[in-house]
Amino acid sequence: MTKKVDEFFDLPPLEDALAEQNADKLECELEEVSNTLVNLPRNAGILANVMEDQHDRETEEIRKKAIALCDEVAEVARNVNPERSARLFEVAGQMLKTGLDAANSKSEKQLKAAKLKLEARRLKIDDELIGEISHGKVILADRNALLKQLVAESRDNIVDVELKED
């Protein structure tokens, strides 16, 4: 007299329905992750360029402001009582140092970026050249296989030498 609701309405078992729903959800998530991974290098390059440009603008702004303040403080120091001017010139020197540090930071960042680009280009060229041997054959072996082969060959080439005593 009492039937299960699943049987009454001809529905699949609850476990099967949940498993099917989870499988669909996982497939969608897998597609999203794979699309993200495919686009990641391109997005990382764009982000790196934006961050580099922002760093360049900020350091250039800091450098300009520091040098302008240095000039203003030095001008004030020239027009002030000599007893007070020493401290003002010290502050002007600190402002000049701040501007110099900002310029150095910008140039170091550009130098590091150039080195990374050069290294990436070198790796790309090395990847293109790997496998080219003068006779056109490519040899693939791992380090352990090569060591075993060398040990086996060295054992085969051992020469028995008899020592003669005079």
Protein backbone atom coordinates (compact mmCIF):
# COMPACT_ATOMS: atom_id res chain seq x y z
CA MET A 1 0.00 0.00 0.00
CA THR A 2 2.87 2.39 0.68
CA LYS A 3 5.20 2.91 -2.24
CA LYS A 4 8.27 5.02 -2.37
CA VAL A 5 7.76 8.38 -3.99
CA ASP A 6 10.51 7.58 -6.50
CA GLU A 7 8.71 4.47 -7.66
CA PHE A 8 5.30 6.15 -7.71
CA PHE A 9 6.43 8.99 -10.01
CA ASP A 10 8.95 6.88 -11.98
CA LEU A 11 11.87 9.03 -10.84
CA PRO A 12 15.48 7.88 -10.78
CA PRO A 13 16.97 7.19 -7.35
CA LEU A 14 18.06 10.28 -5.43
CA GLU A 15 21.73 9.23 -5.33
CA ASP A 16 21.88 8.94 -9.13
CA ALA A 17 20.24 12.34 -9.63
CA LEU A 18 22.65 14.02 -7.18
CA ALA A 19 25.67 12.34 -8.78
CA GLU A 20 24.53 13.51 -12.23
CA GLN A 21 23.99 17.05 -10.97
CA ASN A 22 27.43 17.11 -9.30
CA ALA A 23 29.05 15.77 -12.49
CA ASP A 24 27.50 18.60 -14.53
CA LYS A 25 28.63 21.14 -11.95
CA LEU A 26 32.18 19.74 -11.94
CA GLU A 27 32.33 19.83 -15.75
CA CYS A 28 31.33 23.50 -15.75
CA GLU A 29 33.92 24.32 -13.10
CA LEU A 30 36.56 22.36 -15.00
CA GLU A 31 35.83 24.35 -18.17
CA GLU A 32 36.07 27.63 -16.25
CA VAL A 33 39.39 26.63 -14.68
CA SER A 34 40.83 25.48 -18.01
CA ASN A 35 39.78 28.74 -19.69
CA THR A 36 41.36 30.69 -16.85
CA LEU A 37 44.60 28.72 -17.14
CA VAL A 38 44.71 29.25 -20.90
CA ASN A 39 44.29 33.02 -20.50
CA LEU A 40 46.57 33.33 -17.48
CA PRO A 41 49.87 34.03 -19.30
CA ARG A 42 48.26 36.73 -21.43
CA ASN A 43 46.57 38.33 -18.41
CA ALA A 44 49.78 38.14 -16.38
CA GLY A 45 51.65 39.95 -19.14
CA ILE A 46 49.04 42.70 -19.27
CA LEU A 47 49.09 43.05 -15.48
CA ALA A 48 52.89 43.20 -15.44
CA ASN A 49 52.87 45.99 -18.05
CA VAL A 50 50.26 47.96 -16.10
CA MET A 51 52.18 47.55 -12.84
CA GLU A 52 55.45 48.53 -14.54
CA ASP A 53 53.87 51.66 -16.04
CA GLN A 54 52.34 52.58 -12.69
CA HIS A 55 55.70 52.12 -10.93
CA ASP A 56 57.43 54.29 -13.53
CA ARG A 57 54.86 57.07 -13.16
CA GLU A 58 54.99 57.00 -9.36
CA THR A 59 58.78 57.04 -9.14
CA GLU A 60 58.99 59.84 -11.72
CA GLU A 61 56.46 61.85 -9.71
CA ILE A 62 58.39 61.26 -6.48
CA ARG A 63 61.65 62.26 -8.16
CA LYS A 64 60.20 65.50 -9.55
CA LYS A 65 58.57 66.49 -6.25
CA ALA A 66 61.70 65.69 -4.23
CA ILE A 67 63.93 67.77 -6.50
CA ALA A 68 61.44 70.66 -6.51
CA LEU A 69 61.25 70.58 -2.69
CA CYS A 70 65.03 70.38 -2.49
CA ASP A 71 65.32 73.53 -4.61
CA GLU A 72 62.69 75.35 -2.50
CA VAL A 73 64.30 74.38 0.81
CA ALA A 74 67.76 75.33 -0.47
CA GLU A 75 66.41 78.72 -1.60
CA VAL A 76 64.86 79.29 1.84
CA ALA A 77 68.13 78.21 3.49
CA ARG A 78 70.04 80.84 1.49
CA ASN A 79 67.71 83.59 2.72
CA VAL A 80 67.64 82.54 6.39
CA ASN A 81 69.91 83.27 9.30
CA PRO A 82 73.14 81.23 8.88
CA GLU A 83 72.52 79.55 12.25
CA ARG A 84 69.32 77.99 10.92
CA SER A 85 70.43 77.38 7.35
CA ALA A 86 72.59 74.32 8.18
CA ARG A 87 69.54 72.28 9.18
CA LEU A 88 67.62 73.47 6.11
CA PHE A 89 70.46 72.45 3.80
CA GLU A 90 70.50 69.07 5.53
CA VAL A 91 66.78 68.67 4.78
CA ALA A 92 67.41 69.74 1.18
CA GLY A 93 70.09 67.06 0.92
CA GLN A 94 67.65 64.46 2.22
CA MET A 95 65.10 65.54 -0.39
CA LEU A 96 67.75 65.23 -3.09
CA LYS A 97 68.62 61.74 -1.82
CA THR A 98 64.93 60.78 -1.99
CA GLY A 99 64.78 61.94 -5.61
CA LEU A 100 67.95 60.04 -6.43
CA ASP A 101 66.59 56.88 -4.79
CA ALA A 102 63.40 57.16 -6.84
CA ALA A 103 65.39 57.53 -10.06
CA ASN A 104 67.58 54.55 -9.10
CA SER A 105 64.50 52.47 -8.30
CA LYS A 106 63.05 53.22 -11.72
CA SER A 107 66.28 52.36 -13.53
CA GLU A 108 66.76 49.16 -11.49
CA LYS A 109 63.21 48.09 -12.33
CA GLN A 110 63.84 48.70 -16.04
CA LEU A 111 67.15 46.84 -15.86
CA LYS A 112 65.52 43.87 -14.13
CA ALA A 113 62.76 43.80 -16.76
CA ALA A 114 65.35 43.89 -19.54
CA LYS A 115 67.28 41.03 -17.93
CA LEU A 116 64.11 38.96 -17.60
CA LYS A 117 63.21 39.58 -21.25
CA LEU A 118 66.73 38.65 -22.32
CA GLU A 119 66.63 35.46 -20.23
CA ALA A 120 63.22 34.55 -21.66
CA ARG A 121 64.52 35.12 -25.18
CA ARG A 122 67.61 33.01 -24.41
CA LEU A 123 65.44 30.18 -23.04
CA LYS A 124 63.22 30.36 -26.11
CA ILE A 125 66.26 30.08 -28.39
CA ASP A 126 67.65 27.21 -26.29
CA ASP A 127 64.31 25.41 -26.54
CA GLU A 128 64.39 25.77 -30.31
CA LEU A 129 67.96 24.43 -30.50
CA ILE A 130 67.42 21.44 -28.21
CA GLY A 131 67.50 18.21 -30.10
CA GLU A 132 69.54 19.43 -33.06
CA ILE A 133 72.56 17.18 -33.49
CA SER A 134 74.88 17.37 -36.47
CA HIS A 135 73.82 14.01 -37.92
CA GLY A 136 70.12 14.76 -37.46
CA LYS A 137 69.33 12.20 -34.78
CA VAL A 138 67.88 13.07 -31.41
CA ILE A 139 69.02 11.16 -28.35
CA LEU A 140 66.57 10.98 -25.48
CA ALA A 141 67.70 9.52 -22.17
CA ASP A 142 67.51 10.47 -18.57
CA ARG A 143 70.47 10.90 -16.27
CA ASN A 144 70.02 7.59 -14.45
CA ALA A 145 69.86 5.63 -17.71
CA LEU A 146 73.05 7.29 -18.93
CA LEU A 147 74.85 6.50 -15.65
CA LYS A 148 73.81 2.85 -15.82
CA GLN A 149 75.03 2.66 -19.40
CA LEU A 150 78.40 4.21 -18.48
CA VAL A 151 78.87 1.83 -15.54
CA ALA A 152 78.04 -1.17 -17.74
CA GLU A 153 80.49 -0.05 -20.42
CA SER A 154 83.24 0.57 -17.88
CA ARG A 155 82.81 -2.95 -16.48
CA ASP A 156 83.02 -4.42 -19.98
CA ASN A 157 86.22 -2.52 -20.77
CA ILE A 158 88.18 -3.63 -17.70
CA VAL A 159 91.42 -5.21 -18.85
CA ASP A 160 93.04 -7.90 -16.75
CA VAL A 161 96.67 -7.08 -16.28
CA GLU A 162 99.13 -9.50 -14.76
CA LEU A 163 101.97 -8.02 -12.85
CA LYS A 164 105.31 -9.73 -13.39
CA GLU A 165 107.89 -9.52 -10.71
CA ASP A 166 111.53 -9.28 -11.70
